[in-house]
Amino acid sequence: MNILSFLLKKPEDVRAYTPDTAFESAGMMLKAEIDRVFGHSIAIREVDCGSDNAAEIELANLSAPHYDVERFGITFVASPRHADILVVTGVVTHGMKEALIKTYEATPEPKFVIAVGDDACTGGMYAKTYAVVGPVDSVIPVDLKIPGNPPTPAAILEGLLTLMNSAKKR
């Protein structure tokens, strides 16, 4: 078989993308809650305080074409001044404590903080080591914890839905 016929050959095992129905359902409910609570989309600023990047990979997956959470009204922003929600990953190291506090203070009210991953929620395996301050709630107030090592994109989306449900009760 020459290269041209190989390139022109129709793939035999091409499967259409079929979205996870639970994820899609949670996303549609989340979009409705975001509209009800904020009246617009939500902007998320992610802050890595000393993680192993596992939670960041799952957060990045949310913006990738497979999940595409922007269609539900969720965007990730570069500045805390444009954020509605801070998503913090990793255990807070001494070197990141001040940066986390400044980022929190730069986020406009009303603001919400979510600790994503076991390290951010409890300190994980680094909890009592010399290089860390502790989990996120030892430095700034946390509104929601999403445990997991790392939590799945679906768990993160369900956590956002939980946050929206609790936010409308405020």
Protein backbone atom coordinates (compact mmCIF):
# COMPACT_ATOMS: atom_id res chain seq x y z
CA MET A 1 0.00 0.00 0.00
CA ASN A 2 1.46 3.34 -0.97
CA ILE A 3 1.25 6.41 1.24
CA LEU A 4 -1.39 8.14 -0.87
CA SER A 5 -3.85 5.27 -0.68
CA PHE A 6 -3.16 5.00 3.06
CA LEU A 7 -3.99 8.70 3.56
CA LEU A 8 -7.12 8.52 1.43
CA LYS A 9 -8.39 5.34 3.08
CA LYS A 10 -11.58 5.81 5.07
CA PRO A 11 -11.00 4.98 8.74
CA GLU A 12 -12.80 1.83 9.78
CA ASP A 13 -12.98 2.47 13.49
CA VAL A 14 -14.08 6.07 13.72
CA ARG A 15 -16.54 6.61 16.54
CA ALA A 16 -18.58 9.74 16.86
CA TYR A 17 -18.11 11.69 20.05
CA THR A 18 -20.95 10.92 22.40
CA PRO A 19 -20.95 13.16 25.43
CA ASP A 20 -21.40 11.75 28.90
CA THR A 21 -25.10 12.25 29.66
CA ALA A 22 -24.52 12.88 33.38
CA PHE A 23 -21.92 15.55 32.58
CA GLU A 24 -24.21 17.16 30.00
CA SER A 25 -27.14 17.14 32.41
CA ALA A 26 -25.07 18.66 35.23
CA GLY A 27 -23.74 21.27 32.80
CA MET A 28 -27.20 22.34 31.69
CA MET A 29 -28.38 22.59 35.31
CA LEU A 30 -25.24 24.57 36.15
CA LYS A 31 -25.88 26.99 33.27
CA ALA A 32 -29.40 27.63 34.57
CA GLU A 33 -28.06 28.23 38.12
CA ILE A 34 -25.28 30.52 36.88
CA ASP A 35 -27.89 32.58 35.02
CA ARG A 36 -30.10 32.69 38.12
CA VAL A 37 -27.33 33.55 40.63
CA PHE A 38 -25.05 35.79 38.58
CA GLY A 39 -27.26 36.81 35.66
CA HIS A 40 -24.28 36.17 33.37
CA SER A 41 -21.43 33.74 32.93
CA ILE A 42 -18.92 33.11 35.70
CA ALA A 43 -15.22 33.84 35.49
CA ILE A 44 -12.79 31.54 37.30
CA ARG A 45 -9.21 32.36 38.26
CA GLU A 46 -7.16 29.27 39.07
CA VAL A 47 -4.33 29.62 41.60
CA ASP A 48 -1.74 26.87 41.97
CA CYS A 49 -0.26 27.09 45.46
CA GLY A 50 2.12 24.15 45.30
CA SER A 51 0.42 21.25 43.60
CA ASP A 52 1.61 18.28 41.59
CA ASN A 53 -0.43 19.57 38.59
CA ALA A 54 -2.94 16.71 38.67
CA ALA A 55 -5.87 19.02 39.49
CA GLU A 56 -4.66 21.61 36.97
CA ILE A 57 -4.74 19.00 34.21
CA GLU A 58 -8.37 18.21 35.04
CA LEU A 59 -9.24 21.92 35.16
CA ALA A 60 -7.57 22.39 31.76
CA ASN A 61 -9.58 19.45 30.45
CA LEU A 62 -12.75 21.37 31.28
CA SER A 63 -11.82 23.99 28.68
CA ALA A 64 -10.71 21.44 26.10
CA PRO A 65 -13.05 20.52 23.22
CA HIS A 66 -14.15 17.26 24.86
CA TYR A 67 -15.84 19.03 27.80
CA ASP A 68 -16.04 22.64 26.51
CA VAL A 69 -17.51 24.17 29.67
CA GLU A 70 -17.59 27.60 28.10
CA ARG A 71 -20.91 26.59 26.52
CA PHE A 72 -22.29 26.38 30.07
CA GLY A 73 -21.18 29.93 30.88
CA ILE A 74 -17.84 29.16 32.56
CA THR A 75 -14.67 30.95 31.53
CA PHE A 76 -11.17 30.93 32.97
CA VAL A 77 -9.54 34.35 33.30
CA ALA A 78 -5.98 35.52 33.80
CA SER A 79 -6.68 38.26 36.34
CA PRO A 80 -8.30 37.91 39.76
CA ARG A 81 -9.83 41.36 39.18
CA HIS A 82 -12.09 39.78 36.56
CA ALA A 83 -12.94 36.65 38.56
CA ASP A 84 -16.08 35.62 40.38
CA ILE A 85 -14.54 32.42 41.72
CA LEU A 86 -11.02 31.52 42.84
CA VAL A 87 -10.18 27.87 42.30
CA VAL A 88 -7.15 26.97 44.40
CA THR A 89 -5.13 23.82 43.84
CA GLY A 90 -2.33 22.34 45.87
CA VAL A 91 -1.27 22.68 49.46
CA VAL A 92 -0.26 26.26 50.29
CA THR A 93 3.52 26.53 50.44
CA HIS A 94 5.29 29.27 52.40
CA GLY A 95 6.38 30.81 49.09
CA MET A 96 2.78 31.03 47.81
CA LYS A 97 1.01 32.20 50.96
CA GLU A 98 1.40 35.92 50.30
CA ALA A 99 0.56 35.53 46.60
CA LEU A 100 -2.64 33.65 47.50
CA ILE A 101 -3.67 36.36 49.98
CA LYS A 102 -3.01 39.12 47.43
CA THR A 103 -4.97 37.24 44.77
CA TYR A 104 -7.86 36.77 47.20
CA GLU A 105 -7.83 40.47 48.11
CA ALA A 106 -7.74 41.48 44.42
CA THR A 107 -10.86 39.47 43.63
CA PRO A 108 -13.97 41.65 43.74
CA GLU A 109 -16.94 40.94 46.01
CA PRO A 110 -18.95 38.80 45.99
CA LYS A 111 -16.24 36.19 45.61
CA PHE A 112 -16.18 32.48 46.14
CA VAL A 113 -13.22 30.21 46.84
CA ILE A 114 -13.08 26.54 45.91
CA ALA A 115 -10.31 24.22 47.07
CA VAL A 116 -9.80 21.56 44.39
CA GLY A 117 -7.99 18.31 45.15
CA ASP A 118 -6.94 16.54 48.31
CA ASP A 119 -3.86 18.71 48.78
CA ALA A 120 -5.88 21.94 48.68
CA CYS A 121 -8.62 20.50 50.92
CA THR A 122 -6.55 18.80 53.62
CA GLY A 123 -2.89 19.33 52.85
CA GLY A 124 -2.67 15.80 51.50
CA MET A 125 0.56 13.95 52.05
CA TYR A 126 2.39 17.27 52.52
CA ALA A 127 0.22 18.44 55.43
CA LYS A 128 2.79 18.36 58.19
CA THR A 129 5.97 19.02 56.24
CA TYR A 130 8.31 21.96 56.79
CA ALA A 131 7.67 23.60 53.39
CA VAL A 132 3.92 24.11 53.68
CA VAL A 133 1.54 26.36 55.56
CA GLY A 134 -1.34 23.91 55.19
CA PRO A 135 -4.57 23.53 53.26
CA VAL A 136 -6.18 26.53 51.58
CA ASP A 137 -8.62 27.21 54.45
CA SER A 138 -5.69 27.79 56.79
CA VAL A 139 -4.88 30.93 54.76
CA ILE A 140 -8.14 32.23 53.22
CA PRO A 141 -11.83 31.37 53.69
CA VAL A 142 -13.04 28.48 51.52
CA ASP A 143 -16.65 28.18 50.35
CA LEU A 144 -16.41 24.68 48.86
CA LYS A 145 -13.99 21.76 48.90
CA ILE A 146 -13.84 19.29 46.02
CA PRO A 147 -11.75 16.33 47.18
CA GLY A 148 -10.03 13.84 44.93
CA ASN A 149 -6.56 13.13 43.73
CA PRO A 150 -7.39 14.59 41.30
CA PRO A 151 -11.13 15.15 41.12
CA THR A 152 -12.62 14.37 37.72
CA PRO A 153 -13.93 17.14 35.47
CA ALA A 154 -17.45 15.85 36.24
CA ALA A 155 -16.78 16.16 40.00
CA ILE A 156 -15.52 19.71 39.50
CA LEU A 157 -18.63 20.58 37.50
CA GLU A 158 -20.87 19.06 40.18
CA GLY A 159 -18.95 21.07 42.79
CA LEU A 160 -19.66 24.27 40.87
CA LEU A 161 -23.33 23.30 40.77
CA THR A 162 -23.29 22.78 44.55
CA LEU A 163 -21.68 26.21 44.97
CA MET A 164 -24.33 27.87 42.79
CA ASN A 165 -27.10 26.18 44.79
CA SER A 166 -25.61 27.39 48.08
CA ALA A 167 -24.91 30.87 46.67
CA LYS A 168 -28.53 31.54 45.82
CA LYS A 169 -29.46 30.80 49.46
CA ARG A 170 -27.15 33.57 50.73
